[in-house]
Amino acid sequence: MPGDENITVEGVVMELLGTNLFRVGLSNGHALFAHLSGKMRLSLVRLGVGDRVKLEVSPFDLTKGSIVFKQET
């Protein structure tokens, strides 16, 4: 359906909340919960506080997202 595409945003990991769950801060001051996407989990990518990441957020629930890429710093 048109309009069902995910929104891609960049953020910084602010807090580790448990198994594959993170609080990510965005540049506009908002924070949201995010989990690792399937490919990131299978590749055993590890994240820490301060890592820059790309997220996909559903337009229907802007408080949750999926981490799809870890940017090199």
PDB file of N, CA and C in Angstrom:
ATOM      1  N   MET A   1       0.832  -1.180   0.000  1.00  0.00           N
ATOM      2  CA  MET A   1       0.000   0.000   0.000  1.00  0.00           C
ATOM      3  C   MET A   1       0.879   1.247   0.000  1.00  0.00           C
ATOM      4  N   PRO A   2       0.487   2.271  -0.680  1.00  0.00           N
ATOM      5  CA  PRO A   2       1.248   3.515  -0.641  1.00  0.00           C
ATOM      6  C   PRO A   2       1.206   4.129   0.754  1.00  0.00           C
ATOM      7  N   GLY A   3       2.331   4.685   1.165  1.00  0.00           N
ATOM      8  CA  GLY A   3       2.392   5.340   2.460  1.00  0.00           C
ATOM      9  C   GLY A   3       2.802   4.435   3.602  1.00  0.00           C
ATOM     10  N   ASP A   4       3.035   3.142   3.321  1.00  0.00           N
ATOM     11  CA  ASP A   4       3.426   2.210   4.377  1.00  0.00           C
ATOM     12  C   ASP A   4       4.940   2.082   4.520  1.00  0.00           C
ATOM     13  N   GLU A   5       5.697   2.913   3.816  1.00  0.00           N
ATOM     14  CA  GLU A   5       7.146   2.815   3.881  1.00  0.00           C
ATOM     15  C   GLU A   5       7.650   3.297   5.228  1.00  0.00           C
ATOM     16  N   ASN A   6       8.736   2.693   5.688  1.00  0.00           N
ATOM     17  CA  ASN A   6       9.340   3.099   6.953  1.00  0.00           C
ATOM     18  C   ASN A   6      10.119   4.393   6.787  1.00  0.00           C
ATOM     19  N   ILE A   7      10.258   5.127   7.876  1.00  0.00           N
ATOM     20  CA  ILE A   7      11.016   6.368   7.909  1.00  0.00           C
ATOM     21  C   ILE A   7      12.418   6.033   8.382  1.00  0.00           C
ATOM     22  N   THR A   8      13.438   6.489   7.664  1.00  0.00           N
ATOM     23  CA  THR A   8      14.828   6.247   8.055  1.00  0.00           C
ATOM     24  C   THR A   8      15.373   7.486   8.743  1.00  0.00           C
ATOM     25  N   VAL A   9      15.902   7.297   9.965  1.00  0.00           N
ATOM     26  CA  VAL A   9      16.469   8.393  10.749  1.00  0.00           C
ATOM     27  C   VAL A   9      17.799   7.948  11.340  1.00  0.00           C
ATOM     28  N   GLU A  10      18.597   8.919  11.780  1.00  0.00           N
ATOM     29  CA  GLU A  10      19.869   8.629  12.428  1.00  0.00           C
ATOM     30  C   GLU A  10      19.790   9.057  13.877  1.00  0.00           C
ATOM     31  N   GLY A  11      20.499   8.329  14.728  1.00  0.00           N
ATOM     32  CA  GLY A  11      20.497   8.654  16.145  1.00  0.00           C
ATOM     33  C   GLY A  11      21.732   8.122  16.840  1.00  0.00           C
ATOM     34  N   VAL A  12      21.771   8.325  18.152  1.00  0.00           N
ATOM     35  CA  VAL A  12      22.888   7.885  18.994  1.00  0.00           C
ATOM     36  C   VAL A  12      22.322   7.031  20.115  1.00  0.00           C
ATOM     37  N   VAL A  13      22.960   5.879  20.360  1.00  0.00           N
ATOM     38  CA  VAL A  13      22.532   4.999  21.440  1.00  0.00           C
ATOM     39  C   VAL A  13      22.789   5.706  22.765  1.00  0.00           C
ATOM     40  N   MET A  14      21.734   5.879  23.565  1.00  0.00           N
ATOM     41  CA  MET A  14      21.848   6.568  24.845  1.00  0.00           C
ATOM     42  C   MET A  14      21.896   5.601  26.022  1.00  0.00           C
ATOM     43  N   GLU A  15      21.229   4.445  25.873  1.00  0.00           N
ATOM     44  CA  GLU A  15      21.100   3.535  27.008  1.00  0.00           C
ATOM     45  C   GLU A  15      20.890   2.111  26.497  1.00  0.00           C
ATOM     46  N   LEU A  16      21.505   1.145  27.187  1.00  0.00           N
ATOM     47  CA  LEU A  16      21.296  -0.268  26.900  1.00  0.00           C
ATOM     48  C   LEU A  16      20.246  -0.776  27.874  1.00  0.00           C
ATOM     49  N   LEU A  17      19.140  -1.317  27.365  1.00  0.00           N
ATOM     50  CA  LEU A  17      18.020  -1.689  28.219  1.00  0.00           C
ATOM     51  C   LEU A  17      17.865  -3.188  28.419  1.00  0.00           C
ATOM     52  N   GLY A  18      18.643  -3.981  27.773  1.00  0.00           N
ATOM     53  CA  GLY A  18      18.503  -5.425  27.923  1.00  0.00           C
ATOM     54  C   GLY A  18      18.886  -6.110  26.634  1.00  0.00           C
ATOM     55  N   THR A  19      18.412  -7.301  26.469  1.00  0.00           N
ATOM     56  CA  THR A  19      18.753  -8.095  25.303  1.00  0.00           C
ATOM     57  C   THR A  19      18.228  -7.440  24.028  1.00  0.00           C
ATOM     58  N   ASN A  20      19.134  -6.887  23.247  1.00  0.00           N
ATOM     59  CA  ASN A  20      18.818  -6.280  21.950  1.00  0.00           C
ATOM     60  C   ASN A  20      17.783  -5.156  22.029  1.00  0.00           C
ATOM     61  N   LEU A  21      17.721  -4.444  23.141  1.00  0.00           N
ATOM     62  CA  LEU A  21      16.809  -3.312  23.275  1.00  0.00           C
ATOM     63  C   LEU A  21      17.604  -2.094  23.734  1.00  0.00           C
ATOM     64  N   PHE A  22      17.387  -0.967  23.060  1.00  0.00           N
ATOM     65  CA  PHE A  22      18.178   0.235  23.280  1.00  0.00           C
ATOM     66  C   PHE A  22      17.272   1.458  23.317  1.00  0.00           C
ATOM     67  N   ARG A  23      17.729   2.506  24.009  1.00  0.00           N
ATOM     68  CA  ARG A  23      17.081   3.814  23.921  1.00  0.00           C
ATOM     69  C   ARG A  23      17.985   4.655  23.032  1.00  0.00           C
ATOM     70  N   VAL A  24      17.419   5.194  21.964  1.00  0.00           N
ATOM     71  CA  VAL A  24      18.185   5.941  20.973  1.00  0.00           C
ATOM     72  C   VAL A  24      17.688   7.378  20.948  1.00  0.00           C
ATOM     73  N   GLY A  25      18.618   8.328  21.026  1.00  0.00           N
ATOM     74  CA  GLY A  25      18.283   9.738  20.946  1.00  0.00           C
ATOM     75  C   GLY A  25      18.457  10.254  19.531  1.00  0.00           C
ATOM     76  N   LEU A  26      17.507  11.037  19.075  1.00  0.00           N
ATOM     77  CA  LEU A  26      17.558  11.610  17.738  1.00  0.00           C
ATOM     78  C   LEU A  26      18.081  13.037  17.813  1.00  0.00           C
ATOM     79  N   SER A  27      18.462  13.610  16.683  1.00  0.00           N
ATOM     80  CA  SER A  27      19.031  14.952  16.658  1.00  0.00           C
ATOM     81  C   SER A  27      18.016  16.028  17.028  1.00  0.00           C
ATOM     82  N   ASN A  28      16.724  15.735  16.894  1.00  0.00           N
ATOM     83  CA  ASN A  28      15.701  16.728  17.229  1.00  0.00           C
ATOM     84  C   ASN A  28      15.315  16.694  18.710  1.00  0.00           C
ATOM     85  N   GLY A  29      16.003  15.882  19.515  1.00  0.00           N
ATOM     86  CA  GLY A  29      15.753  15.838  20.947  1.00  0.00           C
ATOM     87  C   GLY A  29      14.833  14.720  21.399  1.00  0.00           C
ATOM     88  N   HIS A  30      14.174  14.040  20.481  1.00  0.00           N
ATOM     89  CA  HIS A  30      13.292  12.939  20.847  1.00  0.00           C
ATOM     90  C   HIS A  30      14.104  11.676  21.110  1.00  0.00           C
ATOM     91  N   ALA A  31      13.550  10.784  21.902  1.00  0.00           N
ATOM     92  CA  ALA A  31      14.168   9.490  22.158  1.00  0.00           C
ATOM     93  C   ALA A  31      13.140   8.405  21.881  1.00  0.00           C
ATOM     94  N   LEU A  32      13.615   7.253  21.419  1.00  0.00           N
ATOM     95  CA  LEU A  32      12.713   6.149  21.158  1.00  0.00           C
ATOM     96  C   LEU A  32      13.383   4.831  21.503  1.00  0.00           C
ATOM     97  N   PHE A  33      12.570   3.794  21.627  1.00  0.00           N
ATOM     98  CA  PHE A  33      13.083   2.454  21.877  1.00  0.00           C
ATOM     99  C   PHE A  33      13.392   1.807  20.542  1.00  0.00           C
ATOM    100  N   ALA A  34      14.482   1.036  20.513  1.00  0.00           N
ATOM    101  CA  ALA A  34      14.852   0.372  19.262  1.00  0.00           C
ATOM    102  C   ALA A  34      15.415  -1.007  19.567  1.00  0.00           C
ATOM    103  N   HIS A  35      15.205  -1.922  18.635  1.00  0.00           N
ATOM    104  CA  HIS A  35      15.789  -3.253  18.734  1.00  0.00           C
ATOM    105  C   HIS A  35      16.641  -3.501  17.496  1.00  0.00           C
ATOM    106  N   LEU A  36      17.499  -4.501  17.566  1.00  0.00           N
ATOM    107  CA  LEU A  36      18.336  -4.841  16.413  1.00  0.00           C
ATOM    108  C   LEU A  36      17.505  -5.539  15.360  1.00  0.00           C
ATOM    109  N   SER A  37      17.736  -5.196  14.103  1.00  0.00           N
ATOM    110  CA  SER A  37      17.047  -5.883  13.018  1.00  0.00           C
ATOM    111  C   SER A  37      17.596  -7.302  12.897  1.00  0.00           C
ATOM    112  N   GLY A  38      16.918  -8.122  12.148  1.00  0.00           N
ATOM    113  CA  GLY A  38      17.297  -9.525  12.012  1.00  0.00           C
ATOM    114  C   GLY A  38      18.699  -9.738  11.480  1.00  0.00           C
ATOM    115  N   LYS A  39      19.082  -9.004  10.424  1.00  0.00           N
ATOM    116  CA  LYS A  39      20.410  -9.174   9.844  1.00  0.00           C
ATOM    117  C   LYS A  39      21.499  -8.702  10.796  1.00  0.00           C
ATOM    118  N   MET A  40      21.230  -7.647  11.562  1.00  0.00           N
ATOM    119  CA  MET A  40      22.221  -7.163  12.531  1.00  0.00           C
ATOM    120  C   MET A  40      22.399  -8.199  13.638  1.00  0.00           C
ATOM    121  N   ARG A  41      21.317  -8.824  14.056  1.00  0.00           N
ATOM    122  CA  ARG A  41      21.386  -9.834  15.116  1.00  0.00           C
ATOM    123  C   ARG A  41      22.145 -11.066  14.635  1.00  0.00           C
ATOM    124  N   LEU A  42      21.868 -11.496  13.398  1.00  0.00           N
ATOM    125  CA  LEU A  42      22.554 -12.666  12.856  1.00  0.00           C
ATOM    126  C   LEU A  42      24.041 -12.417  12.650  1.00  0.00           C
ATOM    127  N   SER A  43      24.421 -11.178  12.371  1.00  0.00           N
ATOM    128  CA  SER A  43      25.828 -10.829  12.167  1.00  0.00           C
ATOM    129  C   SER A  43      26.559 -10.580  13.479  1.00  0.00           C
ATOM    130  N   LEU A  44      25.838 -10.712  14.604  1.00  0.00           N
ATOM    131  CA  LEU A  44      26.413 -10.525  15.940  1.00  0.00           C
ATOM    132  C   LEU A  44      27.036  -9.142  16.111  1.00  0.00           C
ATOM    133  N   VAL A  45      26.354  -8.121  15.613  1.00  0.00           N
ATOM    134  CA  VAL A  45      26.817  -6.748  15.767  1.00  0.00           C
ATOM    135  C   VAL A  45      26.563  -6.309  17.206  1.00  0.00           C
ATOM    136  N   ARG A  46      27.581  -5.740  17.833  1.00  0.00           N
ATOM    137  CA  ARG A  46      27.468  -5.280  19.214  1.00  0.00           C
ATOM    138  C   ARG A  46      27.423  -3.756  19.238  1.00  0.00           C
ATOM    139  N   LEU A  47      26.543  -3.215  20.058  1.00  0.00           N
ATOM    140  CA  LEU A  47      26.406  -1.767  20.184  1.00  0.00           C
ATOM    141  C   LEU A  47      26.698  -1.344  21.613  1.00  0.00           C
ATOM    142  N   GLY A  48      27.209  -0.135  21.750  1.00  0.00           N
ATOM    143  CA  GLY A  48      27.457   0.444  23.058  1.00  0.00           C
ATOM    144  C   GLY A  48      26.916   1.862  23.109  1.00  0.00           C
ATOM    145  N   VAL A  49      26.937   2.427  24.295  1.00  0.00           N
ATOM    146  CA  VAL A  49      26.467   3.805  24.468  1.00  0.00           C
ATOM    147  C   VAL A  49      27.362   4.736  23.660  1.00  0.00           C
ATOM    148  N   GLY A  50      26.762   5.631  22.905  1.00  0.00           N
ATOM    149  CA  GLY A  50      27.500   6.584  22.085  1.00  0.00           C
ATOM    150  C   GLY A  50      27.655   6.178  20.637  1.00  0.00           C
ATOM    151  N   ASP A  51      27.275   4.956  20.281  1.00  0.00           N
ATOM    152  CA  ASP A  51      27.372   4.516  18.881  1.00  0.00           C
ATOM    153  C   ASP A  51      26.308   5.204  18.038  1.00  0.00           C
ATOM    154  N   ARG A  52      26.700   5.633  16.830  1.00  0.00           N
ATOM    155  CA  ARG A  52      25.767   6.245  15.890  1.00  0.00           C
ATOM    156  C   ARG A  52      25.133   5.148  15.043  1.00  0.00           C
ATOM    157  N   VAL A  53      23.813   5.193  14.895  1.00  0.00           N
ATOM    158  CA  VAL A  53      23.079   4.145  14.193  1.00  0.00           C
ATOM    159  C   VAL A  53      22.037   4.754  13.258  1.00  0.00           C
ATOM    160  N   LYS A  54      21.617   3.949  12.288  1.00  0.00           N
ATOM    161  CA  LYS A  54      20.484   4.293  11.427  1.00  0.00           C
ATOM    162  C   LYS A  54      19.315   3.417  11.845  1.00  0.00           C
ATOM    163  N   LEU A  55      18.134   4.030  11.901  1.00  0.00           N
ATOM    164  CA  LEU A  55      16.925   3.340  12.339  1.00  0.00           C
ATOM    165  C   LEU A  55      15.860   3.403  11.263  1.00  0.00           C
ATOM    166  N   GLU A  56      14.998   2.405  11.273  1.00  0.00           N
ATOM    167  CA  GLU A  56      13.772   2.459  10.492  1.00  0.00           C
ATOM    168  C   GLU A  56      12.618   2.536  11.470  1.00  0.00           C
ATOM    169  N   VAL A  57      11.771   3.549  11.300  1.00  0.00           N
ATOM    170  CA  VAL A  57      10.650   3.786  12.206  1.00  0.00           C
ATOM    171  C   VAL A  57       9.366   3.702  11.396  1.00  0.00           C
ATOM    172  N   SER A  58       8.389   3.003  11.943  1.00  0.00           N
ATOM    173  CA  SER A  58       7.094   2.906  11.290  1.00  0.00           C
ATOM    174  C   SER A  58       6.361   4.240  11.396  1.00  0.00           C
ATOM    175  N   PRO A  59       5.703   4.683  10.344  1.00  0.00           N
ATOM    176  CA  PRO A  59       4.950   5.938  10.431  1.00  0.00           C
ATOM    177  C   PRO A  59       3.737   5.831  11.356  1.00  0.00           C
ATOM    178  N   PHE A  60       3.359   4.619  11.751  1.00  0.00           N
ATOM    179  CA  PHE A  60       2.196   4.421  12.606  1.00  0.00           C
ATOM    180  C   PHE A  60       2.544   4.476  14.089  1.00  0.00           C
ATOM    181  N   ASP A  61       3.807   4.151  14.453  1.00  0.00           N
ATOM    182  CA  ASP A  61       4.241   4.197  15.849  1.00  0.00           C
ATOM    183  C   ASP A  61       5.631   4.806  15.888  1.00  0.00           C
ATOM    184  N   LEU A  62       5.709   6.095  16.177  1.00  0.00           N
ATOM    185  CA  LEU A  62       6.978   6.813  16.139  1.00  0.00           C
ATOM    186  C   LEU A  62       7.791   6.674  17.428  1.00  0.00           C
ATOM    187  N   THR A  63       7.368   5.788  18.331  1.00  0.00           N
ATOM    188  CA  THR A  63       8.107   5.599  19.583  1.00  0.00           C
ATOM    189  C   THR A  63       8.986   4.353  19.560  1.00  0.00           C
ATOM    190  N   LYS A  64       8.881   3.551  18.494  1.00  0.00           N
ATOM    191  CA  LYS A  64       9.653   2.312  18.392  1.00  0.00           C
ATOM    192  C   LYS A  64      10.318   2.244  17.030  1.00  0.00           C
ATOM    193  N   GLY A  65      11.512   1.645  17.002  1.00  0.00           N
ATOM    194  CA  GLY A  65      12.221   1.524  15.746  1.00  0.00           C
ATOM    195  C   GLY A  65      13.078   0.272  15.692  1.00  0.00           C
ATOM    196  N   SER A  66      13.676   0.063  14.561  1.00  0.00           N
ATOM    197  CA  SER A  66      14.553  -1.073  14.339  1.00  0.00           C
ATOM    198  C   SER A  66      15.905  -0.552  13.842  1.00  0.00           C
ATOM    199  N   ILE A  67      16.979  -0.961  14.502  1.00  0.00           N
ATOM    200  CA  ILE A  67      18.325  -0.526  14.111  1.00  0.00           C
ATOM    201  C   ILE A  67      18.768  -1.371  12.926  1.00  0.00           C
ATOM    202  N   VAL A  68      19.103  -0.709  11.817  1.00  0.00           N
ATOM    203  CA  VAL A  68      19.456  -1.433  10.599  1.00  0.00           C
ATOM    204  C   VAL A  68      20.913  -1.247  10.196  1.00  0.00           C
ATOM    205  N   PHE A  69      21.626  -0.279  10.823  1.00  0.00           N
ATOM    206  CA  PHE A  69      23.004  -0.015  10.408  1.00  0.00           C
ATOM    207  C   PHE A  69      23.759   0.667  11.543  1.00  0.00           C
ATOM    208  N   LYS A  70      24.987   0.224  11.784  1.00  0.00           N
ATOM    209  CA  LYS A  70      25.866   0.872  12.748  1.00  0.00           C
ATOM    210  C   LYS A  70      26.908   1.653  11.966  1.00  0.00           C
ATOM    211  N   GLN A  71      26.974   2.968  12.207  1.00  0.00           N
ATOM    212  CA  GLN A  71      27.917   3.810  11.475  1.00  0.00           C
ATOM    213  C   GLN A  71      29.285   3.754  12.139  1.00  0.00           C
ATOM    214  N   GLU A  72      30.310   3.743  11.322  1.00  0.00           N
ATOM    215  CA  GLU A  72      31.682   3.747  11.833  1.00  0.00           C
ATOM    216  C   GLU A  72      32.026   5.124  12.336  1.00  0.00           C
ATOM    217  N   THR A  73      32.733   5.189  13.465  1.00  0.00           N
ATOM    218  CA  THR A  73      33.124   6.486  14.018  1.00  0.00           C
ATOM    219  C   THR A  73      34.617   6.669  13.953  1.00  0.00           C
TER     220      THR A  73
END
